[in-house]
């Protein structure tokens, strides 16, 4: 009997190690699928704003020239509405185009007409001309529909941003005003930036605003919902559980995880009567800071006239509860029936933020 028990224990350890590798591989595949979905989401956002990017490119003569964070400005061709069309007067030998109602050169008589003393006195006593007060910048819309994750492209549409690069601010949390410092494409009515790469923050209904250079004119706050980068964590065992009887639980050290694995075992030495019941996990625990239960993986380690399956999972909620239904039949002709398994719990939430879960 001792030799049989030793052989069974060795077999359980081997199957647990194999099961560990299997569900850790399943976890990595699950995580990769989520990251692919995120990549597809970002590609869809880029495709959505591509027509606007093409317009920006055409305004730069076929090339988008980023303005550096130090305020350097590329040579931007002036649009017809940028100034009055009298540039030919500044070019020697260039003919002046006259159109009905258009700009006409001064006549010789007007050039030789003397200036009256009253005009001279008014000009001398009037002082410097009044300075023009510019209205603050105005944001009319954001290309991402007012939400985004770190790294997402954002086109800020509006007016009065100026021709010199100013600042784009993202309010990503209480008392968390982040000035974007990456590559910027800046125009008087459009600005292209990215959502700042900030970790350790939760989702937040924040704002975006623009500060113009050099007069520091500030736009009003435009709503922007910040979605943090998603992170994944795994939990392999927990003390917050209720194991159905007859049953036992014990930690198997080894496998591909430094934490080891919690194996749940149900044995039945009765040759005529079977048992069934439920194992419940995380019965009282709750996740914090926007972390939720992502998935639970179960792998059998030693089954003999028995089995186990998930009866309930609280996926997508801050309650990482799950319920495993098991059964073990009578062991007629053998010493015992078994239904043993190990599990892995995957949770997801904002990167760099504590999940609030205490694991012994």
Protein backbone atom coordinates (compact mmCIF):
# COMPACT_ATOMS: atom_id res chain seq x y z
CA UNK A 1 0.00 0.00 0.00
CA UNK A 2 2.87 2.37 0.77
CA UNK A 3 4.41 1.61 -2.61
CA UNK A 4 1.08 2.25 -4.33
CA UNK A 5 0.68 5.56 -2.47
CA UNK A 6 4.18 6.65 -3.49
CA UNK A 7 3.55 5.75 -7.12
CA UNK A 8 0.24 7.63 -7.08
CA UNK A 9 1.85 10.71 -5.57
CA UNK A 10 4.61 10.68 -8.19
CA UNK A 11 2.01 10.32 -10.93
CA UNK A 12 -0.02 13.22 -9.54
CA UNK A 13 3.11 15.40 -9.43
CA UNK A 14 3.95 14.57 -13.02
CA UNK A 15 0.42 15.19 -14.29
CA UNK A 16 0.26 18.44 -12.31
CA UNK A 17 3.46 19.66 -13.95
CA UNK A 18 2.08 18.76 -17.38
CA UNK A 19 -1.23 20.43 -16.60
CA UNK A 20 0.59 23.52 -15.38
CA UNK A 21 2.42 23.88 -18.67
CA UNK A 22 -0.83 23.40 -20.59
CA UNK A 23 -2.89 26.04 -18.86
CA UNK A 24 -0.05 28.53 -18.65
CA UNK A 25 0.26 28.14 -22.42
CA UNK A 26 -3.52 28.62 -22.68
CA UNK A 27 -3.20 31.80 -20.63
CA UNK A 28 -0.50 33.20 -22.93
CA UNK A 29 -2.65 32.42 -25.98
CA UNK A 30 -5.63 34.12 -24.36
CA UNK A 31 -3.51 37.18 -23.60
CA UNK A 32 -2.17 37.27 -27.17
CA UNK A 33 -5.71 37.19 -28.54
CA UNK A 34 -6.63 40.18 -26.40
CA UNK A 35 -3.54 42.10 -27.55
CA UNK A 36 -4.43 41.32 -31.17
CA UNK A 37 -7.88 42.74 -30.58
CA UNK A 38 -6.29 45.88 -29.15
CA UNK A 39 -4.02 46.15 -32.20
CA UNK A 40 -7.05 45.79 -34.46
CA UNK A 41 -8.83 48.52 -32.53
CA UNK A 42 -5.89 50.90 -33.00
CA UNK A 43 -5.66 50.06 -36.71
CA UNK A 44 -9.37 50.89 -37.06
CA UNK A 45 -8.80 54.26 -35.37
CA UNK A 46 -5.93 55.06 -37.73
CA UNK A 47 -8.06 54.10 -40.73
CA UNK A 48 -10.83 56.35 -39.44
CA UNK A 49 -8.61 59.45 -39.34
CA UNK A 50 -6.56 58.61 -42.43
CA UNK A 51 -8.47 61.10 -44.66
CA UNK A 52 -7.56 63.89 -42.24
CA UNK A 53 -3.94 62.74 -42.20
CA UNK A 54 -3.93 62.87 -46.00
CA UNK A 55 -5.19 66.46 -45.87
CA UNK A 56 -2.41 67.39 -43.46
CA UNK A 57 0.06 65.74 -45.78
CA UNK A 58 -1.18 67.67 -48.80
CA UNK A 59 -0.91 70.95 -46.88
CA UNK A 60 2.78 70.22 -46.42
CA UNK A 61 3.37 69.71 -50.12
CA UNK A 62 3.24 65.94 -49.95
CA UNK A 63 5.18 65.54 -46.73
CA UNK A 64 4.15 65.84 -43.10
CA UNK A 65 6.81 67.74 -41.24
CA UNK A 66 6.59 67.39 -37.48
CA UNK A 67 7.25 70.39 -35.32
CA UNK A 68 9.75 69.51 -32.64
CA UNK A 69 9.04 69.89 -28.97
CA UNK A 70 11.35 72.94 -28.87
CA UNK A 71 8.95 74.96 -31.05
CA UNK A 72 10.75 74.76 -34.40
CA UNK A 73 8.43 75.53 -37.29
CA UNK A 74 8.71 74.09 -40.82
CA UNK A 75 8.26 76.24 -43.86
CA UNK A 76 4.53 76.02 -44.54
CA UNK A 77 3.23 77.39 -47.86
CA UNK A 78 0.89 80.28 -47.24
CA UNK A 79 -2.73 79.68 -48.10
CA UNK A 80 -4.60 82.29 -50.21
CA UNK A 81 -6.42 83.60 -47.13
CA UNK A 82 -3.25 84.12 -45.08
CA UNK A 83 -2.58 87.68 -46.30
CA UNK A 84 -3.75 90.33 -48.81
CA UNK A 85 -2.63 89.50 -52.33
CA UNK A 86 -0.16 92.42 -52.80
CA UNK A 87 3.02 90.33 -52.77
CA UNK A 88 3.82 91.49 -56.36
CA UNK A 89 4.52 95.01 -55.03
CA UNK A 90 7.51 93.57 -53.12
CA UNK A 91 8.98 91.90 -56.18
CA UNK A 92 10.89 94.28 -58.50
CA UNK A 93 9.79 94.10 -62.07
CA UNK A 94 6.68 92.07 -61.33
CA UNK A 95 3.49 93.36 -62.98
CA UNK A 96 0.62 94.38 -60.74
CA UNK A 97 -2.59 92.54 -61.55
CA UNK A 98 -5.61 94.80 -61.27
CA UNK A 99 -9.16 93.59 -61.15
CA UNK A 100 -12.39 95.52 -60.75
CA UNK A 101 -12.64 96.46 -57.12
CA UNK A 102 -9.18 95.05 -56.44
CA UNK A 103 -5.99 96.65 -55.10
CA UNK A 104 -4.80 99.64 -57.18
CA UNK A 105 -1.38 101.37 -56.97
CA UNK A 106 -1.28 104.94 -55.61
CA UNK A 107 -1.33 107.70 -58.25
CA UNK A 108 1.50 110.17 -58.60
CA UNK A 109 -0.78 113.01 -57.44
CA UNK A 110 -1.61 111.16 -54.27
CA UNK A 111 2.06 110.47 -53.67
CA UNK A 112 2.97 114.17 -54.08
CA UNK A 113 0.05 115.57 -52.06
CA UNK A 114 1.37 117.39 -48.92
CA UNK A 115 0.33 116.27 -45.51
CA UNK A 116 -1.68 118.82 -43.53
CA UNK A 117 -0.48 120.07 -40.13
CA UNK A 118 -3.61 118.61 -38.50
CA UNK A 119 -2.90 115.20 -39.95
CA UNK A 120 0.70 115.41 -38.82
CA UNK A 121 -0.33 116.46 -35.32
CA UNK A 122 -2.87 113.63 -35.11
CA UNK A 123 -0.31 111.10 -36.21
CA UNK A 124 2.30 112.40 -33.79
CA UNK A 125 -0.04 112.65 -30.78
CA UNK A 126 -1.95 109.44 -31.20
CA UNK A 127 0.79 107.23 -29.67
CA UNK A 128 1.37 103.60 -30.65
CA UNK A 129 -1.47 101.88 -32.47
CA UNK A 130 -3.73 99.75 -30.24
CA UNK A 131 -2.64 96.10 -29.98
CA UNK A 132 -5.01 93.51 -31.37
CA UNK A 133 -6.35 91.16 -28.67
CA UNK A 134 -6.60 87.60 -29.97
CA UNK A 135 -9.43 85.38 -28.89
CA UNK A 136 -8.50 82.24 -27.00
CA UNK A 137 -8.10 79.01 -28.99
CA UNK A 138 -11.26 76.99 -29.55
CA UNK A 139 -11.53 73.19 -29.72
CA UNK A 140 -14.52 72.03 -31.75
CA UNK A 141 -13.95 68.24 -31.79
CA UNK A 142 -11.53 65.37 -31.20
CA UNK A 143 -10.97 62.72 -33.86
CA UNK A 144 -11.20 59.78 -31.42
CA UNK A 145 -14.70 60.65 -30.28
CA UNK A 146 -13.47 61.90 -26.95
CA UNK A 147 -11.80 58.71 -25.69
CA UNK A 148 -8.49 56.91 -26.08
CA UNK A 149 -5.69 54.82 -24.64
CA UNK A 150 -1.98 55.66 -24.31
CA UNK A 151 -0.44 55.82 -27.79
CA UNK A 152 -3.69 56.48 -29.67
CA UNK A 153 -3.51 59.24 -32.28
CA UNK A 154 -5.70 62.27 -31.57
CA UNK A 155 -6.49 65.06 -34.02
CA UNK A 156 -7.63 68.22 -32.24
CA UNK A 157 -9.89 70.29 -34.51
CA UNK A 158 -10.69 73.93 -33.88
CA UNK A 159 -9.37 77.42 -34.53
CA UNK A 160 -6.96 79.99 -33.17
CA UNK A 161 -4.22 77.51 -32.23
CA UNK A 162 -1.56 79.75 -33.82
CA UNK A 163 1.22 78.91 -36.25
CA UNK A 164 3.88 78.29 -33.61
CA UNK A 165 3.72 75.09 -31.59
CA UNK A 166 2.15 75.54 -28.18
CA UNK A 167 1.05 72.90 -25.67
CA UNK A 168 -1.62 70.18 -25.62
CA UNK A 169 -2.68 69.15 -22.12
CA UNK A 170 -4.47 65.95 -21.09
CA UNK A 171 -6.18 65.82 -17.69
CA UNK A 172 -6.00 62.08 -16.96
CA UNK A 173 -6.98 61.99 -13.30
CA UNK A 174 -7.63 64.09 -10.22
CA UNK A 175 -4.78 66.63 -10.10
CA UNK A 176 -3.12 64.82 -13.04
CA UNK A 177 -2.53 67.41 -15.78
CA UNK A 178 -0.11 65.91 -18.35
CA UNK A 179 1.54 68.07 -21.02
CA UNK A 180 2.13 66.05 -24.17
CA UNK A 181 5.86 66.04 -25.03
CA UNK A 182 6.03 63.74 -28.04
CA UNK A 183 5.96 64.46 -31.76
CA UNK A 184 3.40 67.11 -32.76
CA UNK A 185 1.94 68.34 -36.05
CA UNK A 186 0.64 71.84 -35.41
CA UNK A 187 -1.59 74.06 -37.54
CA UNK A 188 -3.82 76.98 -36.72
CA UNK A 189 -6.95 74.83 -37.00
CA UNK A 190 -5.65 71.27 -36.45
CA UNK A 191 -3.18 69.56 -34.13
CA UNK A 192 -2.04 65.92 -34.32
CA UNK A 193 -0.75 64.34 -31.09
CA UNK A 194 -0.93 61.01 -29.24
CA UNK A 195 -2.48 60.13 -25.90
CA UNK A 196 0.42 60.33 -23.40
CA UNK A 197 2.08 57.10 -22.28
CA UNK A 198 1.04 57.15 -18.63
CA UNK A 199 0.78 54.05 -16.39
CA UNK A 200 -0.47 53.75 -12.84
CA UNK A 201 -3.76 55.49 -13.68
CA UNK A 202 -7.34 54.27 -13.66
CA UNK A 203 -9.98 55.04 -16.26
CA UNK A 204 -11.03 58.68 -15.93
CA UNK A 205 -13.47 61.14 -17.50
CA UNK A 206 -10.93 63.89 -18.06
CA UNK A 207 -10.32 66.77 -20.46
CA UNK A 208 -8.08 68.11 -23.22
CA UNK A 209 -7.11 71.75 -23.68
CA UNK A 210 -4.66 73.76 -25.81
CA UNK A 211 -2.27 76.53 -24.77
CA UNK A 212 -1.20 78.79 -27.63
CA UNK A 213 2.35 80.08 -28.13
CA UNK A 214 3.53 82.74 -27.40
CA UNK A 215 0.64 84.60 -25.75
CA UNK A 216 -0.41 81.57 -23.59
CA UNK A 217 -4.00 81.81 -24.75
CA UNK A 218 -5.85 78.83 -23.29
CA UNK A 219 -8.80 76.99 -24.77
CA UNK A 220 -11.73 75.73 -22.73
CA UNK A 221 -11.75 72.17 -21.43
CA UNK A 222 -12.99 69.53 -23.91
CA UNK A 223 -14.22 66.21 -22.43
CA UNK A 224 -11.92 63.23 -22.99
CA UNK A 225 -12.34 59.74 -21.49
CA UNK A 226 -8.98 58.15 -20.67
CA UNK A 227 -8.70 54.36 -20.93
CA UNK A 228 -5.48 53.02 -19.35
CA UNK A 229 -3.26 50.33 -20.82
CA UNK A 230 -4.60 46.89 -19.89
CA UNK A 231 -2.39 44.52 -17.89
CA UNK A 232 -2.83 40.83 -16.95
CA UNK A 233 -1.97 38.94 -13.77
CA UNK A 234 -2.44 35.33 -12.69
CA UNK A 235 -3.39 33.82 -9.34
CA UNK A 236 -2.83 30.14 -8.76
CA UNK A 237 -4.04 29.46 -5.24
CA UNK A 238 -6.06 31.16 -2.54
CA UNK A 239 -7.18 30.55 1.03
CA UNK A 240 -10.60 32.06 0.37
CA UNK A 241 -12.37 28.84 -0.63
CA UNK A 242 -14.92 26.21 0.37
CA UNK A 243 -14.01 22.67 -0.67
CA UNK A 244 -16.79 20.09 -1.03
CA UNK A 245 -16.56 16.86 0.95
CA UNK A 246 -15.10 14.37 0.79
CA UNK A 247 -12.18 16.45 -0.42
CA UNK A 248 -8.73 17.80 0.24
CA UNK A 249 -6.51 20.53 -1.11
CA UNK A 250 -2.77 20.72 -1.06
CA UNK A 251 -0.06 22.74 -2.72
CA UNK A 252 2.11 21.10 -5.38
CA UNK A 253 5.42 22.92 -5.65
CA UNK A 254 7.06 22.93 -9.06
CA UNK A 255 5.86 23.17 -12.60
CA UNK A 256 6.45 26.34 -14.62
CA UNK A 257 5.39 28.76 -11.91
CA UNK A 258 7.33 30.06 -8.95
CA UNK A 259 4.13 30.12 -6.91
CA UNK A 260 3.46 26.43 -7.25
CA UNK A 261 -0.04 25.11 -7.84
CA UNK A 262 -3.01 24.44 -5.66
CA UNK A 263 -4.35 20.98 -6.40
CA UNK A 264 -7.87 20.15 -5.35
CA UNK A 265 -8.50 16.45 -4.79
CA UNK A 266 -11.63 14.40 -4.18
CA UNK A 267 -11.22 10.71 -3.29
CA UNK A 268 -13.80 8.06 -2.55
CA UNK A 269 -12.82 4.72 -0.96
CA UNK A 270 -16.44 3.50 -0.80
CA UNK A 271 -16.96 0.74 -3.39
CA UNK A 272 -20.75 1.18 -3.60
CA UNK A 273 -21.62 4.86 -2.99
CA UNK A 274 -20.54 7.87 -5.01
CA UNK A 275 -20.27 11.55 -4.05
CA UNK A 276 -20.77 14.89 -5.76
CA UNK A 277 -20.51 18.50 -4.68
CA UNK A 278 -19.06 21.93 -5.38
CA UNK A 279 -15.76 23.71 -4.78
CA UNK A 280 -16.09 27.49 -4.46
CA UNK A 281 -13.21 29.97 -4.70
CA UNK A 282 -12.86 33.65 -3.79
CA UNK A 283 -16.13 33.50 -1.90
CA UNK A 284 -15.51 36.82 -0.11
CA UNK A 285 -12.63 38.54 -1.91
CA UNK A 286 -13.14 41.49 -4.23
CA UNK A 287 -10.82 43.12 -6.73
CA UNK A 288 -10.16 46.86 -6.55
CA UNK A 289 -9.16 49.76 -8.84
CA UNK A 290 -11.04 48.57 -11.96
CA UNK A 291 -9.50 45.08 -11.97
CA UNK A 292 -11.86 42.29 -13.08
CA UNK A 293 -11.89 38.51 -13.43
CA UNK A 294 -10.63 37.76 -16.93
CA UNK A 295 -10.68 33.94 -17.19
CA UNK A 296 -10.21 30.74 -15.16
CA UNK A 297 -8.38 27.69 -16.50
CA UNK A 298 -8.86 24.18 -15.07
CA UNK A 299 -6.65 21.16 -15.84
CA UNK A 300 -7.23 17.61 -14.52
CA UNK A 301 -4.28 15.97 -12.77
CA UNK A 302 -5.67 12.58 -11.70
CA UNK A 303 -9.17 11.39 -12.61
CA UNK A 304 -10.44 7.87 -11.98
CA UNK A 305 -14.22 7.28 -11.99
CA UNK A 306 -14.70 10.99 -11.36
CA UNK A 307 -14.67 14.41 -13.00
CA UNK A 308 -14.96 18.18 -12.57
CA UNK A 309 -16.18 21.17 -14.59
CA UNK A 310 -16.97 24.87 -14.13
CA UNK A 311 -20.47 25.57 -12.95
CA UNK A 312 -20.11 29.34 -12.58
CA UNK A 313 -17.59 32.13 -13.22
CA UNK A 314 -18.03 35.83 -12.44
CA UNK A 315 -16.13 36.93 -15.56
CA UNK A 316 -15.84 40.65 -16.20
CA UNK A 317 -16.68 41.63 -12.61
CA UNK A 318 -14.59 42.67 -9.61
CA UNK A 319 -15.67 39.44 -7.87
CA UNK A 320 -13.19 36.72 -8.94
CA UNK A 321 -15.57 34.01 -7.79
CA UNK A 322 -15.83 30.68 -9.60
CA UNK A 323 -17.54 27.39 -8.79
CA UNK A 324 -16.33 23.90 -9.80
CA UNK A 325 -18.75 20.96 -9.82
CA UNK A 326 -17.18 17.55 -9.10
CA UNK A 327 -18.24 13.93 -8.75
CA UNK A 328 -16.58 10.64 -7.75
CA UNK A 329 -18.28 7.29 -8.29
CA UNK A 330 -17.93 4.20 -6.13
CA UNK A 331 -14.57 2.44 -6.38
CA UNK A 332 -15.85 -1.12 -6.77
CA UNK A 333 -12.87 -3.30 -7.66
CA UNK A 334 -10.29 -0.60 -6.79
CA UNK A 335 -8.99 0.99 -3.62
CA UNK A 336 -10.25 4.52 -4.36
CA UNK A 337 -11.83 6.79 -6.99
CA UNK A 338 -10.32 10.24 -7.71
CA UNK A 339 -11.20 13.64 -9.16
CA UNK A 340 -8.14 15.89 -8.81
CA UNK A 341 -7.43 19.15 -10.68
CA UNK A 342 -5.41 22.37 -10.61
CA UNK A 343 -6.51 25.82 -11.72
CA UNK A 344 -5.18 29.21 -12.78
CA UNK A 345 -7.02 32.52 -12.43
CA UNK A 346 -6.40 35.40 -14.84
CA UNK A 347 -7.37 38.95 -13.91
CA UNK A 348 -6.99 42.14 -15.96
CA UNK A 349 -6.90 45.81 -15.09
CA UNK A 350 -5.04 49.12 -15.49
CA UNK A 351 -1.29 48.74 -15.83
CA UNK A 352 0.72 49.84 -12.82
CA UNK A 353 -2.29 49.84 -10.45
CA UNK A 354 -2.69 47.47 -7.50
CA UNK A 355 -5.47 44.89 -7.85
CA UNK A 356 -6.31 44.94 -4.14
CA UNK A 357 -6.27 41.14 -3.85
CA UNK A 358 -4.32 39.50 -1.03
CA UNK A 359 -3.04 35.99 -1.80
CA UNK A 360 -1.49 34.04 1.10
